[in-house]
Amino acid sequence: MKKQINVVGAVIVREGLILCAQRGPDGALPGMWEFPGGKIEAGETPRDALAREITEELQCEVAVGELITTTSHEYDFGVVALTTFYCELISSTPALTEHTEVVWLPSAELSSLDWAPADIPAVELIADVTTRKSAPPATLAT
């Protein structure tokens, strides 16, 4: 049985754009894009882990909001269970400490990047949600 790795990812939204982070050349999945985050430590809630990881990785502070999804993907090194949340940037500008590059993209352009497989379901959901949110609101019959 492969090792289970529980991780969290931040879908940081600023002015209608989403932060995408490119993994560095060292470690697993070099050069692929991901939502920044990391492993959930013992005793942490997913939201607490995400806030800590963003502070460590990007040297900025986020408010962790609505859950997007939890998905699992089997890699050579183990099974990654990724839980993603919408986040709002509270302070600072993301700094590169572990990533090679970060870009801010509209949701419609997310699929242009080479995403890590575990992140792809969230990418698809975000594009879908953003498309739906831009539709006119439904009217309620009285």
C-alpha atoms as a PDB file:
ATOM      1  CA  MET A   1       0.000   0.000   0.000  1.00  0.00           C
ATOM      2  CA  LYS A   2       1.288   3.423  -0.961  1.00  0.00           C
ATOM      3  CA  LYS A   3       1.907   6.176   1.560  1.00  0.00           C
ATOM      4  CA  GLN A   4      -1.044   8.567   2.065  1.00  0.00           C
ATOM      5  CA  ILE A   5       0.014  12.239   2.005  1.00  0.00           C
ATOM      6  CA  ASN A   6      -2.577  14.807   3.141  1.00  0.00           C
ATOM      7  CA  VAL A   7      -1.950  18.262   1.736  1.00  0.00           C
ATOM      8  CA  VAL A   8      -3.754  21.580   1.352  1.00  0.00           C
ATOM      9  CA  GLY A   9      -3.696  24.123  -1.461  1.00  0.00           C
ATOM     10  CA  ALA A  10      -4.607  27.815  -1.550  1.00  0.00           C
ATOM     11  CA  VAL A  11      -6.588  29.283  -4.409  1.00  0.00           C
ATOM     12  CA  ILE A  12      -5.588  32.874  -3.669  1.00  0.00           C
ATOM     13  CA  VAL A  13      -7.832  35.358  -5.451  1.00  0.00           C
ATOM     14  CA  ARG A  14      -6.883  39.022  -5.915  1.00  0.00           C
ATOM     15  CA  GLU A  15      -8.766  41.461  -8.135  1.00  0.00           C
ATOM     16  CA  GLY A  16     -10.347  38.603 -10.092  1.00  0.00           C
ATOM     17  CA  LEU A  17      -7.009  36.825 -10.708  1.00  0.00           C
ATOM     18  CA  ILE A  18      -5.781  33.545  -9.221  1.00  0.00           C
ATOM     19  CA  LEU A  19      -2.257  32.893  -7.969  1.00  0.00           C
ATOM     20  CA  CYS A  20      -0.523  29.966  -9.694  1.00  0.00           C
ATOM     21  CA  ALA A  21       2.857  28.710  -8.467  1.00  0.00           C
ATOM     22  CA  GLN A  22       5.457  26.745 -10.433  1.00  0.00           C
ATOM     23  CA  ARG A  23       7.275  23.996  -8.541  1.00  0.00           C
ATOM     24  CA  GLY A  24      11.040  24.293  -8.344  1.00  0.00           C
ATOM     25  CA  PRO A  25      13.502  21.998 -10.130  1.00  0.00           C
ATOM     26  CA  ASP A  26      14.224  19.946  -6.980  1.00  0.00           C
ATOM     27  CA  GLY A  27      11.742  17.503  -5.498  1.00  0.00           C
ATOM     28  CA  ALA A  28       8.664  15.855  -6.924  1.00  0.00           C
ATOM     29  CA  LEU A  29       6.936  17.145 -10.064  1.00  0.00           C
ATOM     30  CA  PRO A  30       9.590  19.731 -11.038  1.00  0.00           C
ATOM     31  CA  GLY A  31       8.334  22.604 -13.181  1.00  0.00           C
ATOM     32  CA  MET A  32       4.649  21.733 -12.831  1.00  0.00           C
ATOM     33  CA  TRP A  33       2.132  24.313 -11.630  1.00  0.00           C
ATOM     34  CA  GLU A  34       0.176  24.051  -8.398  1.00  0.00           C
ATOM     35  CA  PHE A  35      -1.854  25.946  -5.890  1.00  0.00           C
ATOM     36  CA  PRO A  36       0.623  26.780  -3.103  1.00  0.00           C
ATOM     37  CA  GLY A  37       0.308  24.943   0.187  1.00  0.00           C
ATOM     38  CA  GLY A  38       1.741  21.833   1.768  1.00  0.00           C
ATOM     39  CA  LYS A  39       1.394  18.973   4.203  1.00  0.00           C
ATOM     40  CA  ILE A  40      -1.020  18.930   7.104  1.00  0.00           C
ATOM     41  CA  GLU A  41       0.950  18.340  10.303  1.00  0.00           C
ATOM     42  CA  ALA A  42      -0.297  16.214  13.218  1.00  0.00           C
ATOM     43  CA  GLY A  43      -2.875  18.101  15.279  1.00  0.00           C
ATOM     44  CA  GLU A  44      -3.553  20.749  12.611  1.00  0.00           C
ATOM     45  CA  THR A  45      -6.834  21.423  10.888  1.00  0.00           C
ATOM     46  CA  PRO A  46      -6.596  21.774   7.106  1.00  0.00           C
ATOM     47  CA  ARG A  47      -7.317  25.522   7.376  1.00  0.00           C
ATOM     48  CA  ASP A  48      -4.616  26.023  10.038  1.00  0.00           C
ATOM     49  CA  ALA A  49      -2.120  24.044   7.947  1.00  0.00           C
ATOM     50  CA  LEU A  50      -2.870  26.156   4.897  1.00  0.00           C
ATOM     51  CA  ALA A  51      -2.433  29.465   6.712  1.00  0.00           C
ATOM     52  CA  ARG A  52       0.910  28.217   8.126  1.00  0.00           C
ATOM     53  CA  GLU A  53       2.148  26.870   4.788  1.00  0.00           C
ATOM     54  CA  ILE A  54       1.360  30.104   2.929  1.00  0.00           C
ATOM     55  CA  THR A  55       3.217  32.105   5.578  1.00  0.00           C
ATOM     56  CA  GLU A  56       6.217  29.728   5.268  1.00  0.00           C
ATOM     57  CA  GLU A  57       6.218  29.315   1.457  1.00  0.00           C
ATOM     58  CA  LEU A  58       5.152  32.734   0.216  1.00  0.00           C
ATOM     59  CA  GLN A  59       5.903  34.927   3.250  1.00  0.00           C
ATOM     60  CA  CYS A  60       2.445  36.468   3.198  1.00  0.00           C
ATOM     61  CA  GLU A  61      -0.785  36.085   5.146  1.00  0.00           C
ATOM     62  CA  VAL A  62      -4.093  34.768   3.842  1.00  0.00           C
ATOM     63  CA  ALA A  63      -7.608  34.402   5.169  1.00  0.00           C
ATOM     64  CA  VAL A  64      -8.697  30.835   4.421  1.00  0.00           C
ATOM     65  CA  GLY A  65     -12.241  30.756   3.100  1.00  0.00           C
ATOM     66  CA  GLU A  66     -14.607  28.350   1.385  1.00  0.00           C
ATOM     67  CA  LEU A  67     -13.655  24.735   0.712  1.00  0.00           C
ATOM     68  CA  ILE A  68     -13.390  23.997  -3.018  1.00  0.00           C
ATOM     69  CA  THR A  69     -12.771  20.237  -3.137  1.00  0.00           C
ATOM     70  CA  THR A  70     -10.730  17.308  -1.857  1.00  0.00           C
ATOM     71  CA  THR A  71      -9.250  15.006  -4.470  1.00  0.00           C
ATOM     72  CA  SER A  72      -6.790  12.116  -4.433  1.00  0.00           C
ATOM     73  CA  HIS A  73      -4.141  11.299  -7.001  1.00  0.00           C
ATOM     74  CA  GLU A  74      -1.754   8.351  -7.017  1.00  0.00           C
ATOM     75  CA  TYR A  75       1.847   9.223  -7.832  1.00  0.00           C
ATOM     76  CA  ASP A  76       4.955   7.002  -7.830  1.00  0.00           C
ATOM     77  CA  PHE A  77       5.843   8.315  -4.352  1.00  0.00           C
ATOM     78  CA  GLY A  78       2.389   7.901  -2.757  1.00  0.00           C
ATOM     79  CA  VAL A  79      -1.264   8.914  -2.819  1.00  0.00           C
ATOM     80  CA  VAL A  80      -1.786  12.642  -2.400  1.00  0.00           C
ATOM     81  CA  ALA A  81      -5.100  13.808  -0.933  1.00  0.00           C
ATOM     82  CA  LEU A  82      -5.331  17.509  -1.789  1.00  0.00           C
ATOM     83  CA  THR A  83      -7.889  19.780  -0.138  1.00  0.00           C
ATOM     84  CA  THR A  84      -8.172  23.206  -1.743  1.00  0.00           C
ATOM     85  CA  PHE A  85      -9.697  26.371  -0.298  1.00  0.00           C
ATOM     86  CA  TYR A  86     -10.382  29.827  -1.652  1.00  0.00           C
ATOM     87  CA  CYS A  87      -8.117  32.331   0.112  1.00  0.00           C
ATOM     88  CA  GLU A  88      -7.837  36.089   0.295  1.00  0.00           C
ATOM     89  CA  LEU A  89      -4.475  37.836   0.523  1.00  0.00           C
ATOM     90  CA  ILE A  90      -4.420  39.826   3.779  1.00  0.00           C
ATOM     91  CA  SER A  91      -0.878  41.159   3.894  1.00  0.00           C
ATOM     92  CA  SER A  92       2.344  41.253   1.887  1.00  0.00           C
ATOM     93  CA  THR A  93       3.056  40.205  -1.672  1.00  0.00           C
ATOM     94  CA  PRO A  94       3.861  36.527  -2.309  1.00  0.00           C
ATOM     95  CA  ALA A  95       7.630  35.932  -2.318  1.00  0.00           C
ATOM     96  CA  LEU A  96       9.451  33.102  -4.075  1.00  0.00           C
ATOM     97  CA  THR A  97      11.036  30.778  -1.515  1.00  0.00           C
ATOM     98  CA  GLU A  98      10.195  27.287  -2.826  1.00  0.00           C
ATOM     99  CA  HIS A  99       8.685  28.073  -6.221  1.00  0.00           C
ATOM    100  CA  THR A 100      10.439  29.068  -9.446  1.00  0.00           C
ATOM    101  CA  GLU A 101       7.717  31.473 -10.522  1.00  0.00           C
ATOM    102  CA  VAL A 102       4.250  32.728  -9.624  1.00  0.00           C
ATOM    103  CA  VAL A 103       1.703  34.225 -12.018  1.00  0.00           C
ATOM    104  CA  TRP A 104      -1.737  35.775 -11.545  1.00  0.00           C
ATOM    105  CA  LEU A 105      -4.216  34.509 -14.145  1.00  0.00           C
ATOM    106  CA  PRO A 106      -7.939  34.832 -14.798  1.00  0.00           C
ATOM    107  CA  SER A 107      -9.717  31.521 -14.249  1.00  0.00           C
ATOM    108  CA  ALA A 108     -10.358  31.152 -17.991  1.00  0.00           C
ATOM    109  CA  GLU A 109      -6.581  30.912 -18.585  1.00  0.00           C
ATOM    110  CA  LEU A 110      -5.714  28.407 -15.824  1.00  0.00           C
ATOM    111  CA  SER A 111      -5.858  25.447 -18.212  1.00  0.00           C
ATOM    112  CA  SER A 112      -2.995  26.966 -20.259  1.00  0.00           C
ATOM    113  CA  LEU A 113      -0.519  25.840 -17.561  1.00  0.00           C
ATOM    114  CA  ASP A 114       0.951  22.361 -17.005  1.00  0.00           C
ATOM    115  CA  TRP A 115      -0.727  21.556 -13.665  1.00  0.00           C
ATOM    116  CA  ALA A 116       0.293  18.834 -11.214  1.00  0.00           C
ATOM    117  CA  PRO A 117      -2.310  16.062 -11.633  1.00  0.00           C
ATOM    118  CA  ALA A 118      -3.727  16.419  -8.095  1.00  0.00           C
ATOM    119  CA  ASP A 119      -4.512  20.113  -8.779  1.00  0.00           C
ATOM    120  CA  ILE A 120      -6.400  19.575 -12.060  1.00  0.00           C
ATOM    121  CA  PRO A 121      -9.859  18.808 -10.547  1.00  0.00           C
ATOM    122  CA  ALA A 122      -9.708  22.075  -8.559  1.00  0.00           C
ATOM    123  CA  VAL A 123      -8.612  23.991 -11.687  1.00  0.00           C
ATOM    124  CA  GLU A 124     -11.665  22.633 -13.513  1.00  0.00           C
ATOM    125  CA  LEU A 125     -14.029  23.467 -10.636  1.00  0.00           C
ATOM    126  CA  ILE A 126     -12.696  27.016 -10.320  1.00  0.00           C
ATOM    127  CA  ALA A 127     -13.194  27.670 -14.032  1.00  0.00           C
ATOM    128  CA  ASP A 128     -16.732  26.285 -13.774  1.00  0.00           C
ATOM    129  CA  VAL A 129     -17.611  28.282 -10.636  1.00  0.00           C
ATOM    130  CA  THR A 130     -16.206  31.500 -12.067  1.00  0.00           C
ATOM    131  CA  THR A 131     -18.195  31.025 -15.269  1.00  0.00           C
ATOM    132  CA  ARG A 132     -21.362  30.423 -13.272  1.00  0.00           C
ATOM    133  CA  LYS A 133     -20.763  33.425 -11.006  1.00  0.00           C
ATOM    134  CA  SER A 134     -20.575  35.692 -14.032  1.00  0.00           C
ATOM    135  CA  ALA A 135     -24.011  34.565 -15.234  1.00  0.00           C
ATOM    136  CA  PRO A 136     -26.961  36.826 -14.442  1.00  0.00           C
ATOM    137  CA  PRO A 137     -28.582  36.052 -11.089  1.00  0.00           C
ATOM    138  CA  ALA A 138     -31.709  33.939 -11.109  1.00  0.00           C
ATOM    139  CA  THR A 139     -34.916  35.725 -10.234  1.00  0.00           C
ATOM    140  CA  LEU A 140     -37.170  34.288  -7.580  1.00  0.00           C
ATOM    141  CA  ALA A 141     -40.859  33.903  -8.337  1.00  0.00           C
ATOM    142  CA  THR A 142     -43.069  35.318  -5.603  1.00  0.00           C
END
